[in-house]
Every structure is written in C-alpha cells, then in structure tokens.
C-alpha atoms as a PDB file:
ATOM      1  CA  MET A   1      13.321 -42.645 -19.985  1.00  0.00           C
ATOM      2  CA  THR A   2      11.964 -45.666 -21.837  1.00  0.00           C
ATOM      3  CA  THR A   3      13.942 -47.373 -24.614  1.00  0.00           C
ATOM      4  CA  GLY A   4      13.772 -45.483 -27.893  1.00  0.00           C
ATOM      5  CA  GLU A   5      12.487 -42.246 -26.305  1.00  0.00           C
ATOM      6  CA  SER A   6      14.445 -39.271 -27.653  1.00  0.00           C
ATOM      7  CA  LEU A   7      15.801 -36.476 -25.494  1.00  0.00           C
ATOM      8  CA  ARG A   8      14.435 -32.998 -26.256  1.00  0.00           C
ATOM      9  CA  TRP A   9      16.722 -30.096 -25.299  1.00  0.00           C
ATOM     10  CA  GLU A  10      15.113 -27.216 -23.428  1.00  0.00           C
ATOM     11  CA  PRO A  11      16.778 -24.041 -22.196  1.00  0.00           C
ATOM     12  CA  ALA A  12      17.387 -23.745 -18.478  1.00  0.00           C
ATOM     13  CA  GLN A  13      14.721 -21.940 -16.482  1.00  0.00           C
ATOM     14  CA  SER A  14      15.762 -18.942 -14.419  1.00  0.00           C
ATOM     15  CA  TYR A  15      13.768 -18.072 -11.350  1.00  0.00           C
ATOM     16  CA  PRO A  16      13.460 -14.656  -9.727  1.00  0.00           C
ATOM     17  CA  ASP A  17      14.910 -13.957  -6.308  1.00  0.00           C
ATOM     18  CA  PRO A  18      12.361 -15.323  -3.815  1.00  0.00           C
ATOM     19  CA  ALA A  19      12.564 -12.025  -1.956  1.00  0.00           C
ATOM     20  CA  ILE A  20      10.953 -10.249  -4.925  1.00  0.00           C
ATOM     21  CA  VAL A  21       7.227 -11.017  -5.094  1.00  0.00           C
ATOM     22  CA  THR A  22       5.352  -9.767  -8.180  1.00  0.00           C
ATOM     23  CA  LEU A  23       1.600  -9.281  -7.840  1.00  0.00           C
ATOM     24  CA  ASP A  24       0.820  -6.990 -10.795  1.00  0.00           C
ATOM     25  CA  PRO A  25       2.447  -6.734 -14.258  1.00  0.00           C
ATOM     26  CA  ARG A  26       3.180  -3.047 -13.640  1.00  0.00           C
ATOM     27  CA  PHE A  27       5.742  -4.120 -11.050  1.00  0.00           C
ATOM     28  CA  GLU A  28       8.036  -5.051 -13.943  1.00  0.00           C
ATOM     29  CA  ARG A  29       8.587  -1.340 -14.626  1.00  0.00           C
ATOM     30  CA  VAL A  30      10.002  -0.665 -11.166  1.00  0.00           C
ATOM     31  CA  LYS A  31      11.161  -3.962  -9.642  1.00  0.00           C
ATOM     32  CA  PRO A  32      14.803  -4.982  -9.299  1.00  0.00           C
ATOM     33  CA  PRO A  33      16.445  -6.115 -12.568  1.00  0.00           C
ATOM     34  CA  PHE A  34      16.309  -9.823 -13.242  1.00  0.00           C
ATOM     35  CA  HIS A  35      19.715 -10.644 -11.764  1.00  0.00           C
ATOM     36  CA  ALA A  36      19.519  -8.168  -8.872  1.00  0.00           C
ATOM     37  CA  ALA A  37      19.397  -9.529  -5.354  1.00  0.00           C
ATOM     38  CA  VAL A  38      18.746  -8.033  -1.961  1.00  0.00           C
ATOM     39  CA  GLU A  39      22.173  -7.524  -0.375  1.00  0.00           C
ATOM     40  CA  ARG A  40      22.875  -7.243   3.333  1.00  0.00           C
ATOM     41  CA  LEU A  41      25.487  -4.518   3.814  1.00  0.00           C
ATOM     42  CA  PHE A  42      25.649  -4.292   7.576  1.00  0.00           C
ATOM     43  CA  THR A  43      24.177  -6.053  10.571  1.00  0.00           C
ATOM     44  CA  GLY A  44      24.517  -5.460  14.285  1.00  0.00           C
ATOM     45  CA  CYS A  45      22.063  -2.626  14.874  1.00  0.00           C
ATOM     46  CA  ARG A  46      19.432  -2.965  17.562  1.00  0.00           C
ATOM     47  CA  TRP A  47      16.834  -1.129  15.457  1.00  0.00           C
ATOM     48  CA  ALA A  48      17.954   0.401  12.155  1.00  0.00           C
ATOM     49  CA  GLU A  49      15.994   3.398  10.846  1.00  0.00           C
ATOM     50  CA  GLY A  50      16.041   6.662   8.920  1.00  0.00           C
ATOM     51  CA  PRO A  51      18.278   6.062   5.856  1.00  0.00           C
ATOM     52  CA  VAL A  52      19.201   9.129   3.789  1.00  0.00           C
ATOM     53  CA  TRP A  53      21.585   9.296   0.838  1.00  0.00           C
ATOM     54  CA  VAL A  54      24.218  12.054   0.777  1.00  0.00           C
ATOM     55  CA  ALA A  55      25.466  12.749  -2.753  1.00  0.00           C
ATOM     56  CA  LYS A  56      28.874  14.215  -1.944  1.00  0.00           C
ATOM     57  CA  ASP A  57      32.380  12.941  -1.207  1.00  0.00           C
ATOM     58  CA  GLY A  58      31.719   9.969  -3.447  1.00  0.00           C
ATOM     59  CA  GLY A  59      28.254   9.360  -2.015  1.00  0.00           C
ATOM     60  CA  TYR A  60      27.335   7.686   1.244  1.00  0.00           C
ATOM     61  CA  LEU A  61      24.370   6.669   3.360  1.00  0.00           C
ATOM     62  CA  ILE A  62      23.503   7.893   6.838  1.00  0.00           C
ATOM     63  CA  PHE A  63      21.108   5.814   8.939  1.00  0.00           C
ATOM     64  CA  SER A  64      20.016   5.546  12.555  1.00  0.00           C
ATOM     65  CA  ASP A  65      20.256   2.967  15.279  1.00  0.00           C
ATOM     66  CA  VAL A  66      17.469   4.417  17.397  1.00  0.00           C
ATOM     67  CA  ILE A  67      18.051   2.214  20.428  1.00  0.00           C
ATOM     68  CA  GLU A  68      21.820   2.782  20.491  1.00  0.00           C
ATOM     69  CA  ASN A  69      21.422   6.577  20.053  1.00  0.00           C
ATOM     70  CA  THR A  70      23.791   6.475  17.085  1.00  0.00           C
ATOM     71  CA  LEU A  71      23.907   7.664  13.485  1.00  0.00           C
ATOM     72  CA  TRP A  72      25.928   5.395  11.217  1.00  0.00           C
ATOM     73  CA  LYS A  73      27.651   6.197   7.932  1.00  0.00           C
ATOM     74  CA  TRP A  74      28.001   3.522   5.262  1.00  0.00           C
ATOM     75  CA  GLN A  75      30.089   4.042   2.126  1.00  0.00           C
ATOM     76  CA  GLU A  76      30.962   1.711  -0.742  1.00  0.00           C
ATOM     77  CA  GLY A  77      34.457   0.297  -0.293  1.00  0.00           C
ATOM     78  CA  LYS A  78      34.813   1.707   3.210  1.00  0.00           C
ATOM     79  CA  GLY A  79      31.964   0.051   5.098  1.00  0.00           C
ATOM     80  CA  LYS A  80      30.461   1.465   8.262  1.00  0.00           C
ATOM     81  CA  SER A  81      31.623   4.124  10.691  1.00  0.00           C
ATOM     82  CA  VAL A  82      30.016   6.163  13.443  1.00  0.00           C
ATOM     83  CA  PHE A  83      28.694   9.428  12.008  1.00  0.00           C
ATOM     84  CA  LEU A  84      27.246  10.919  15.196  1.00  0.00           C
ATOM     85  CA  LYS A  85      26.784   9.755  18.776  1.00  0.00           C
ATOM     86  CA  PRO A  86      24.683  10.701  20.637  1.00  0.00           C
ATOM     87  CA  SER A  87      22.250  11.183  17.778  1.00  0.00           C
ATOM     88  CA  GLY A  88      18.917  12.033  19.368  1.00  0.00           C
ATOM     89  CA  TYR A  89      19.215  12.184  23.136  1.00  0.00           C
ATOM     90  CA  SER A  90      21.702  14.258  25.089  1.00  0.00           C
ATOM     91  CA  GLY A  91      20.342  13.457  28.555  1.00  0.00           C
ATOM     92  CA  LYS A  92      21.389  10.862  31.107  1.00  0.00           C
ATOM     93  CA  ASN A  93      18.219   8.792  31.445  1.00  0.00           C
ATOM     94  CA  ASP A  94      19.231   5.322  30.269  1.00  0.00           C
ATOM     95  CA  LYS A  95      15.724   3.891  30.668  1.00  0.00           C
ATOM     96  CA  LEU A  96      14.406   5.155  27.340  1.00  0.00           C
ATOM     97  CA  ARG A  97      13.961   2.311  24.863  1.00  0.00           C
ATOM     98  CA  GLU A  98      14.349   4.372  21.683  1.00  0.00           C
ATOM     99  CA  PRO A  99      16.272   7.548  22.556  1.00  0.00           C
ATOM    100  CA  GLY A 100      18.186   8.186  19.334  1.00  0.00           C
ATOM    101  CA  ALA A 101      17.408   9.978  16.079  1.00  0.00           C
ATOM    102  CA  ASN A 102      14.745   8.251  13.989  1.00  0.00           C
ATOM    103  CA  GLY A 103      13.887   9.767  10.598  1.00  0.00           C
ATOM    104  CA  ASN A 104      16.484  11.823   8.724  1.00  0.00           C
ATOM    105  CA  THR A 105      16.470  14.029   5.643  1.00  0.00           C
ATOM    106  CA  LEU A 106      18.506  16.782   3.997  1.00  0.00           C
ATOM    107  CA  ASP A 107      17.444  20.386   3.596  1.00  0.00           C
ATOM    108  CA  ALA A 108      17.962  22.458   0.441  1.00  0.00           C
ATOM    109  CA  ASN A 109      21.495  23.300   1.585  1.00  0.00           C
ATOM    110  CA  GLY A 110      22.456  19.670   2.175  1.00  0.00           C
ATOM    111  CA  ARG A 111      22.333  19.888   5.974  1.00  0.00           C
ATOM    112  CA  LEU A 112      21.119  16.867   7.929  1.00  0.00           C
ATOM    113  CA  VAL A 113      17.747  17.340   9.644  1.00  0.00           C
ATOM    114  CA  SER A 114      16.688  14.663  12.135  1.00  0.00           C
ATOM    115  CA  CYS A 115      13.738  13.676  14.278  1.00  0.00           C
ATOM    116  CA  GLU A 116      15.297  13.255  17.710  1.00  0.00           C
ATOM    117  CA  HIS A 117      13.272  10.877  19.844  1.00  0.00           C
ATOM    118  CA  GLY A 118      14.861  11.456  23.224  1.00  0.00           C
ATOM    119  CA  ASN A 119      15.214  15.230  22.852  1.00  0.00           C
ATOM    120  CA  ARG A 120      11.646  15.371  21.530  1.00  0.00           C
ATOM    121  CA  ARG A 121      12.501  17.755  18.742  1.00  0.00           C
ATOM    122  CA  VAL A 122      13.354  18.261  15.083  1.00  0.00           C
ATOM    123  CA  ALA A 123      16.944  19.485  14.839  1.00  0.00           C
ATOM    124  CA  ARG A 124      19.414  20.482  12.135  1.00  0.00           C
ATOM    125  CA  LEU A 125      23.083  19.539  12.191  1.00  0.00           C
ATOM    126  CA  GLU A 126      25.175  22.541  11.237  1.00  0.00           C
ATOM    127  CA  LYS A 127      28.444  22.351   9.311  1.00  0.00           C
ATOM    128  CA  ASP A 128      30.418  23.210  12.447  1.00  0.00           C
ATOM    129  CA  GLY A 129      28.933  20.235  14.304  1.00  0.00           C
ATOM    130  CA  THR A 130      26.479  22.212  16.432  1.00  0.00           C
ATOM    131  CA  LYS A 131      22.730  21.630  16.361  1.00  0.00           C
ATOM    132  CA  THR A 132      19.864  24.034  15.819  1.00  0.00           C
ATOM    133  CA  THR A 133      16.425  23.216  17.218  1.00  0.00           C
ATOM    134  CA  LEU A 134      13.841  23.725  14.483  1.00  0.00           C
ATOM    135  CA  ALA A 135      10.759  22.579  16.409  1.00  0.00           C
ATOM    136  CA  ASP A 136      10.241  21.169  19.911  1.00  0.00           C
ATOM    137  CA  ARG A 137       6.839  22.441  21.083  1.00  0.00           C
ATOM    138  CA  PHE A 138       3.293  22.992  19.992  1.00  0.00           C
ATOM    139  CA  ASP A 139       0.901  25.151  21.983  1.00  0.00           C
ATOM    140  CA  LYS A 140       3.673  25.498  24.614  1.00  0.00           C
ATOM    141  CA  LYS A 141       3.724  21.736  25.159  1.00  0.00           C
ATOM    142  CA  ARG A 142       6.598  19.440  24.263  1.00  0.00           C
ATOM    143  CA  PHE A 143       6.180  17.153  21.304  1.00  0.00           C
ATOM    144  CA  ASN A 144       5.789  13.431  21.996  1.00  0.00           C
ATOM    145  CA  SER A 145       8.805  12.324  19.919  1.00  0.00           C
ATOM    146  CA  PRO A 146       9.019  13.486  16.287  1.00  0.00           C
ATOM    147  CA  ASN A 147       9.454  10.406  14.129  1.00  0.00           C
ATOM    148  CA  ASP A 148       9.755  11.070  10.404  1.00  0.00           C
ATOM    149  CA  LEU A 149       9.829  14.074   8.089  1.00  0.00           C
ATOM    150  CA  ALA A 150       9.671  15.318   4.512  1.00  0.00           C
ATOM    151  CA  TYR A 151      10.439  18.645   2.867  1.00  0.00           C
ATOM    152  CA  HIS A 152       8.084  20.349   0.414  1.00  0.00           C
ATOM    153  CA  SER A 153       9.875  22.033  -2.477  1.00  0.00           C
ATOM    154  CA  ASN A 154       8.885  25.445  -1.082  1.00  0.00           C
ATOM    155  CA  GLY A 155      10.984  24.786   2.037  1.00  0.00           C
ATOM    156  CA  ASP A 156       8.182  23.841   4.423  1.00  0.00           C
ATOM    157  CA  LEU A 157       8.922  20.797   6.574  1.00  0.00           C
ATOM    158  CA  TYR A 158       6.208  18.242   7.364  1.00  0.00           C
ATOM    159  CA  PHE A 159       6.682  15.764  10.221  1.00  0.00           C
ATOM    160  CA  THR A 160       4.881  13.186  12.350  1.00  0.00           C
ATOM    161  CA  ASP A 161       4.804  12.946  16.142  1.00  0.00           C
ATOM    162  CA  PRO A 162       3.922   9.539  17.637  1.00  0.00           C
ATOM    163  CA  PRO A 163       5.072   8.712  21.199  1.00  0.00           C
ATOM    164  CA  TYR A 164       7.593   5.914  20.569  1.00  0.00           C
ATOM    165  CA  GLY A 165      10.531   7.887  21.914  1.00  0.00           C
ATOM    166  CA  LEU A 166       8.793   8.055  25.306  1.00  0.00           C
ATOM    167  CA  MET A 167       8.784   4.294  25.811  1.00  0.00           C
ATOM    168  CA  VAL A 168      10.765   3.212  28.860  1.00  0.00           C
ATOM    169  CA  LYS A 169      12.087  -0.199  29.761  1.00  0.00           C
ATOM    170  CA  ASP A 170      10.182  -0.724  32.986  1.00  0.00           C
ATOM    171  CA  ALA A 171       6.809   0.953  32.422  1.00  0.00           C
ATOM    172  CA  GLU A 172       3.701   0.519  30.311  1.00  0.00           C
ATOM    173  CA  GLY A 173       2.411   3.247  28.049  1.00  0.00           C
ATOM    174  CA  PHE A 174       4.200   6.479  27.240  1.00  0.00           C
ATOM    175  CA  PRO A 175       4.992   8.440  30.402  1.00  0.00           C
ATOM    176  CA  GLY A 176       5.733  12.114  29.947  1.00  0.00           C
ATOM    177  CA  MET A 177       3.276  12.896  27.167  1.00  0.00           C
ATOM    178  CA  GLU A 178       2.248  16.547  27.319  1.00  0.00           C
ATOM    179  CA  LEU A 179       0.024  16.431  24.232  1.00  0.00           C
ATOM    180  CA  ASP A 180      -2.945  14.074  24.406  1.00  0.00           C
ATOM    181  CA  PHE A 181      -2.808  13.212  20.687  1.00  0.00           C
ATOM    182  CA  CYS A 182      -0.372  12.246  17.938  1.00  0.00           C
ATOM    183  CA  GLY A 183      -0.181  14.920  15.289  1.00  0.00           C
ATOM    184  CA  ILE A 184       1.064  15.693  11.811  1.00  0.00           C
ATOM    185  CA  TYR A 185       2.680  19.120  11.643  1.00  0.00           C
ATOM    186  CA  ARG A 186       4.092  21.649   9.211  1.00  0.00           C
ATOM    187  CA  LEU A 187       7.069  23.827  10.049  1.00  0.00           C
ATOM    188  CA  SER A 188       6.910  26.731   7.615  1.00  0.00           C
ATOM    189  CA  ARG A 189       9.859  28.693   6.284  1.00  0.00           C
ATOM    190  CA  ASN A 190       9.125  31.468   8.800  1.00  0.00           C
ATOM    191  CA  ARG A 191       9.342  28.863  11.637  1.00  0.00           C
ATOM    192  CA  ALA A 192       5.597  28.838  12.338  1.00  0.00           C
ATOM    193  CA  ILE A 193       4.276  25.422  13.432  1.00  0.00           C
ATOM    194  CA  THR A 194       0.839  24.313  12.247  1.00  0.00           C
ATOM    195  CA  LEU A 195      -1.037  21.235  13.444  1.00  0.00           C
ATOM    196  CA  LEU A 196      -2.361  19.736  10.203  1.00  0.00           C
ATOM    197  CA  THR A 197      -4.330  16.820  11.631  1.00  0.00           C
ATOM    198  CA  ARG A 198      -4.636  14.819  14.837  1.00  0.00           C
ATOM    199  CA  GLU A 199      -6.865  12.072  13.452  1.00  0.00           C
ATOM    200  CA  MET A 200      -4.208   9.356  13.112  1.00  0.00           C
ATOM    201  CA  SER A 201      -3.475   7.172  16.114  1.00  0.00           C
ATOM    202  CA  LYS A 202       0.243   6.511  15.349  1.00  0.00           C
ATOM    203  CA  PRO A 203       1.414   8.649  12.390  1.00  0.00           C
ATOM    204  CA  ASN A 204       4.836   7.513  11.246  1.00  0.00           C
ATOM    205  CA  GLY A 205       6.455   7.583   7.781  1.00  0.00           C
ATOM    206  CA  ILE A 206       5.658  10.550   5.536  1.00  0.00           C
ATOM    207  CA  ALA A 207       6.284  11.475   1.885  1.00  0.00           C
ATOM    208  CA  PHE A 208       4.927  13.631  -0.929  1.00  0.00           C
ATOM    209  CA  SER A 209       3.737  12.522  -4.351  1.00  0.00           C
ATOM    210  CA  PRO A 210       5.942  13.779  -7.233  1.00  0.00           C
ATOM    211  CA  ASP A 211       3.564  16.681  -7.947  1.00  0.00           C
ATOM    212  CA  GLU A 212       3.290  17.428  -4.197  1.00  0.00           C
ATOM    213  CA  LYS A 213      -0.496  17.443  -4.413  1.00  0.00           C
ATOM    214  CA  THR A 214      -0.741  14.440  -2.077  1.00  0.00           C
ATOM    215  CA  LEU A 215       0.878  13.726   1.282  1.00  0.00           C
ATOM    216  CA  TYR A 216       1.148  10.053   2.248  1.00  0.00           C
ATOM    217  CA  VAL A 217       1.387   9.102   5.926  1.00  0.00           C
ATOM    218  CA  ALA A 218       1.813   5.632   7.431  1.00  0.00           C
ATOM    219  CA  ASN A 219      -0.092   4.648  10.572  1.00  0.00           C
ATOM    220  CA  SER A 220       1.895   2.164  12.663  1.00  0.00           C
ATOM    221  CA  ASP A 221      -1.082   0.955  14.680  1.00  0.00           C
ATOM    222  CA  PRO A 222      -1.739  -2.819  14.562  1.00  0.00           C
ATOM    223  CA  GLU A 223      -5.459  -2.133  14.954  1.00  0.00           C
ATOM    224  CA  LYS A 224      -5.464   0.180  11.919  1.00  0.00           C
ATOM    225  CA  ALA A 225      -2.358  -0.532   9.865  1.00  0.00           C
ATOM    226  CA  VAL A 226      -3.025   1.830   6.991  1.00  0.00           C
ATOM    227  CA  TRP A 227      -1.439   4.432   4.767  1.00  0.00           C
ATOM    228  CA  MET A 228      -3.432   7.641   4.471  1.00  0.00           C
ATOM    229  CA  ALA A 229      -3.434  10.039   1.512  1.00  0.00           C
ATOM    230  CA  TYR A 230      -4.117  13.720   2.174  1.00  0.00           C
ATOM    231  CA  PRO A 231      -4.691  16.354  -0.507  1.00  0.00           C
ATOM    232  CA  VAL A 232      -2.295  19.264  -0.025  1.00  0.00           C
ATOM    233  CA  LYS A 233      -4.059  22.612  -0.321  1.00  0.00           C
ATOM    234  CA  SER A 234      -2.527  25.708  -1.905  1.00  0.00           C
ATOM    235  CA  ASP A 235      -1.853  27.189   1.551  1.00  0.00           C
ATOM    236  CA  GLY A 236       0.055  24.073   2.649  1.00  0.00           C
ATOM    237  CA  THR A 237      -2.653  22.675   4.905  1.00  0.00           C
ATOM    238  CA  LEU A 238      -4.305  19.293   4.333  1.00  0.00           C
ATOM    239  CA  GLY A 239      -7.730  18.346   3.078  1.00  0.00           C
ATOM    240  CA  LYS A 240      -9.766  15.355   4.206  1.00  0.00           C
ATOM    241  CA  GLY A 241      -7.678  12.210   4.275  1.00  0.00           C
ATOM    242  CA  ARG A 242      -8.597   8.868   2.731  1.00  0.00           C
ATOM    243  CA  VAL A 243      -7.300   5.363   3.331  1.00  0.00           C
ATOM    244  CA  PHE A 244      -4.838   4.772   0.517  1.00  0.00           C
ATOM    245  CA  PHE A 245      -3.940   1.185   1.433  1.00  0.00           C
ATOM    246  CA  ASP A 246      -4.996  -1.064   4.299  1.00  0.00           C
ATOM    247  CA  ALA A 247      -2.689  -3.838   5.556  1.00  0.00           C
ATOM    248  CA  THR A 248      -4.420  -4.501   8.881  1.00  0.00           C
ATOM    249  CA  LYS A 249      -5.366  -8.042   7.863  1.00  0.00           C
ATOM    250  CA  TRP A 250      -1.684  -8.944   7.413  1.00  0.00           C
ATOM    251  CA  VAL A 251      -0.450  -7.819  10.812  1.00  0.00           C
ATOM    252  CA  LYS A 252      -1.101 -11.175  12.488  1.00  0.00           C
ATOM    253  CA  THR A 253       0.639 -13.220   9.774  1.00  0.00           C
ATOM    254  CA  LYS A 254       3.483 -10.992   8.559  1.00  0.00           C
ATOM    255  CA  LYS A 255       6.196  -9.177  10.456  1.00  0.00           C
ATOM    256  CA  GLY A 256       6.149  -5.410  10.677  1.00  0.00           C
ATOM    257  CA  LEU A 257       3.802  -2.423  10.676  1.00  0.00           C
ATOM    258  CA  PRO A 258       3.405   0.562   8.321  1.00  0.00           C
ATOM    259  CA  ASP A 259       6.537   2.615   8.899  1.00  0.00           C
ATOM    260  CA  GLY A 260       8.873   4.631   6.665  1.00  0.00           C
ATOM    261  CA  LEU A 261       8.206   5.233   2.975  1.00  0.00           C
ATOM    262  CA  ARG A 262       9.568   6.803  -0.192  1.00  0.00           C
ATOM    263  CA  VAL A 263       7.995   7.704  -3.535  1.00  0.00           C
ATOM    264  CA  ASP A 264       9.633   7.116  -6.910  1.00  0.00           C
ATOM    265  CA  ARG A 265       9.424   9.387  -9.948  1.00  0.00           C
ATOM    266  CA  GLN A 266       6.422   7.466 -11.272  1.00  0.00           C
ATOM    267  CA  GLY A 267       4.497   8.099  -8.067  1.00  0.00           C
ATOM    268  CA  ASN A 268       4.768   4.556  -6.694  1.00  0.00           C
ATOM    269  CA  LEU A 269       5.095   4.167  -2.935  1.00  0.00           C
ATOM    270  CA  PHE A 270       7.919   2.040  -1.552  1.00  0.00           C
ATOM    271  CA  ALA A 271       6.403   1.567   1.881  1.00  0.00           C
ATOM    272  CA  THR A 272       7.822  -0.553   4.678  1.00  0.00           C
ATOM    273  CA  GLY A 273       5.131  -2.602   6.377  1.00  0.00           C
ATOM    274  CA  PRO A 274       3.937  -6.155   7.037  1.00  0.00           C
ATOM    275  CA  GLY A 275       6.161  -8.443   4.968  1.00  0.00           C
ATOM    276  CA  GLY A 276       8.907  -6.011   3.977  1.00  0.00           C
ATOM    277  CA  VAL A 277       8.772  -3.182   1.428  1.00  0.00           C
ATOM    278  CA  LEU A 278       5.378  -2.949  -0.255  1.00  0.00           C
ATOM    279  CA  VAL A 279       5.345  -1.266  -3.668  1.00  0.00           C
ATOM    280  CA  ILE A 280       1.995   0.432  -4.222  1.00  0.00           C
ATOM    281  CA  ALA A 281       0.902   2.222  -7.408  1.00  0.00           C
ATOM    282  CA  PRO A 282      -0.605   5.743  -7.264  1.00  0.00           C
ATOM    283  CA  ASP A 283      -4.048   4.178  -7.764  1.00  0.00           C
ATOM    284  CA  GLY A 284      -3.606   2.094  -4.591  1.00  0.00           C
ATOM    285  CA  THR A 285      -2.824  -1.236  -6.290  1.00  0.00           C
ATOM    286  CA  HIS A 286      -0.285  -3.416  -4.496  1.00  0.00           C
ATOM    287  CA  LEU A 287       2.194  -4.159  -7.289  1.00  0.00           C
ATOM    288  CA  GLY A 288       4.640  -6.337  -5.391  1.00  0.00           C
ATOM    289  CA  THR A 289       6.775  -6.766  -2.292  1.00  0.00           C
ATOM    290  CA  ILE A 290      10.462  -6.849  -1.512  1.00  0.00           C
ATOM    291  CA  ALA A 291      10.252  -9.411   1.275  1.00  0.00           C
ATOM    292  CA  THR A 292      12.818  -9.105   4.060  1.00  0.00           C
ATOM    293  CA  GLY A 293      11.567 -11.717   6.521  1.00  0.00           C
ATOM    294  CA  VAL A 294      11.954  -9.302   9.433  1.00  0.00           C
ATOM    295  CA  PRO A 295      10.189  -6.159  10.702  1.00  0.00           C
ATOM    296  CA  THR A 296      11.272  -3.413   8.306  1.00  0.00           C
ATOM    297  CA  ALA A 297      11.540   0.206   9.380  1.00  0.00           C
ATOM    298  CA  ASN A 298      12.384   2.436   6.444  1.00  0.00           C
ATOM    299  CA  CYS A 299      13.941   2.843   3.008  1.00  0.00           C
ATOM    300  CA  ALA A 300      15.555   5.479   0.801  1.00  0.00           C
ATOM    301  CA  PHE A 301      16.710   5.794  -2.789  1.00  0.00           C
ATOM    302  CA  GLY A 302      20.368   6.519  -3.411  1.00  0.00           C
ATOM    303  CA  GLY A 303      23.379   5.691  -5.520  1.00  0.00           C
ATOM    304  CA  ASP A 304      24.747   7.612  -8.490  1.00  0.00           C
ATOM    305  CA  ASP A 305      21.432   7.600 -10.354  1.00  0.00           C
ATOM    306  CA  SER A 306      19.022   7.247  -7.399  1.00  0.00           C
ATOM    307  CA  SER A 307      17.997   3.759  -8.508  1.00  0.00           C
ATOM    308  CA  VAL A 308      19.357   1.846  -5.514  1.00  0.00           C
ATOM    309  CA  LEU A 309      16.891   1.253  -2.698  1.00  0.00           C
ATOM    310  CA  TYR A 310      18.510   1.130   0.731  1.00  0.00           C
ATOM    311  CA  ILE A 311      16.431  -0.670   3.348  1.00  0.00           C
ATOM    312  CA  THR A 312      16.724  -0.635   7.131  1.00  0.00           C
ATOM    313  CA  ALA A 313      15.322  -3.971   8.244  1.00  0.00           C
ATOM    314  CA  ASP A 314      15.405  -4.753  11.953  1.00  0.00           C
ATOM    315  CA  LYS A 315      19.103  -5.107  12.826  1.00  0.00           C
ATOM    316  CA  GLN A 316      20.484  -4.713   9.325  1.00  0.00           C
ATOM    317  CA  LEU A 317      21.047  -2.394   6.396  1.00  0.00           C
ATOM    318  CA  CYS A 318      20.226  -3.848   2.976  1.00  0.00           C
ATOM    319  CA  ARG A 319      20.115  -2.625  -0.596  1.00  0.00           C
ATOM    320  CA  VAL A 320      18.665  -3.677  -3.922  1.00  0.00           C
ATOM    321  CA  ARG A 321      18.986  -2.090  -7.343  1.00  0.00           C
ATOM    322  CA  THR A 322      15.668  -1.183  -8.994  1.00  0.00           C
ATOM    323  CA  THR A 323      14.591  -0.132 -12.478  1.00  0.00           C
ATOM    324  CA  THR A 324      13.072   3.093 -11.208  1.00  0.00           C
ATOM    325  CA  ARG A 325      14.462   6.197  -9.531  1.00  0.00           C
ATOM    326  CA  GLY A 326      13.664   8.047  -6.354  1.00  0.00           C
ATOM    327  CA  LYS A 327      11.676  11.263  -6.488  1.00  0.00           C
END
C-alpha cells in the first residue's frame, strides 16, 4: 500500500467445496447446501456398491463389498458392522473377482432384494434369514450375473444382466456365459420373466423417472459410455431407446464408467460415471458433478427426509446432504 492510500473493508469471500462443480444454474435447486461437504464415513472396502437406505430401527444403510462377498450395515453413531456374509456367492470357487451381491433394493414389504453376482440370480432375503430365488434363468439358460435393479410401483422388478460376476482372476473374458448377450429384464408379479431389450453392450445401473414413463439404464462400456432412456409402455415393455447422455469422451480423462444411478423427485438423475456423481436434468442437461476423485459405483438417497445422498466410491462410503429428495 502506498502512503496515503486508504484501506477499504470488504467482506470475506466464501468458496464452495471443490468437490461440488456447478455447470448450470439449475444445479442450485438440488446441489448440496452451501456449507455441506462430502464426508467419508467408511473406507476399507475392495469395491463398494449397492447402497440402500432402510428406514427402520432408527434408519441405517446397507451396501455391498462385491469383491469381499459381504453386505455391510452403517448406522449413525454406531458405525459399520457386517450385515450378511456371504452376500452373493455360496460356492467354493475363490477365483471369481466379483462374487458378492451388487445392486440392492427393498420390496414393498421392506425385504432386501439383491443382485447376486456369484450365484447368478436375483434373490430376496426373508425375515427368518433364508433366501428366496426370484430369478436365475431366461430361456432355460443361467443369467450372466444380475447387476442392478429397480421396482415399478405395480410390483414388477426390472434388472440388468452384464457379465461382471463371471470375471475370474486368471482368465480373460467371461467364462461360463450361457447367454450370448447382456439383457434388461422384467420380473412380473406373477414371476414371469420378460427380456425387454438386448441392445446394450453392458447394461448396469437402472432407475425409473418419477412418473415411471421412462426407464434409465447406464451402459458401463468404455467404447459407448452412455445412459439410455426407454419409454415404458402400458404393458410394462419398453419402446425404442434413445441416448439420454453420452460421457464416452470423458472416459480417457476421468475415472469411472456409467454405473449406478438414482432419480430425485424433480426427475434429475444422480448418475455415477466418469468424474464422480453426474447430476443430469430430465432434458439431458448436465447440471453439475459431485466429484469424488475415484471410480464411483453407485448412490442412494436416505436419511430422515431422503435428502442425504450416500455414495459408494471405490473403497469407501461417502455422504453429502442435498437440497433435493430421493424419488
């Protein structure tokens, strides 16, 4: 300061968390509050996946460690504990790279329903601790390895079937595939299984729009890293899909691929992919990103008012409070 120059007071500048990247003004309506930060709740997984919030007994989160064949429980004030082990593979072959449960959800009665990689099925955990197989075959052939799932309000269950659960430690490709494609399926209330489409190379995360007129599906293929949007017909089948968002150009510069996703009450997608959690408006505009710095597998809304986003990111479980609510 030169002699005689007066000091002018200015208020301090506050800067947003660098993990929260705003790209469109509409992000302000859903992004974390100004002072919110991405918190790491737990680390030590080998590949964390499939978070689902359980709103009972004070509320808690269940999530998968697919490689360790374990379901974890995390609860505020109590931390982590093993919820179920084994979670997705009851065999003795220790060569599978991702044998455990992957995606998880709850049915209308609050029972846990999981995509079990190693057992190559969708199964329901009963209240007595036993499991019921809901789907394990199509056209008399075993599924590849069901990956993620979403319930329609009418009770039909939609799920994806890429081959990741067939990966073994000492072989290339996916040995043991009985189906020569990766499908998207519907399990109806009467237990009938319908192949909805086989056009996606690696269908992964799956979720409905709030009005259930659109089904979003992530494609975890580095050559076509896209999210597809399918119109849902009145009979539950799907119309012609369209590319909803394309992140292929980011695969070489950002960590991660299109994976799990959730939809908030405004219809915005919270989709894990290259860079972290991408927030995408219903019109396909990328509103912003919750950057994690690591490959990010999945996310789920939870908490007392469904405004907390829980994120499974590589080896860790994270959370961040948002200004929106899960569907």
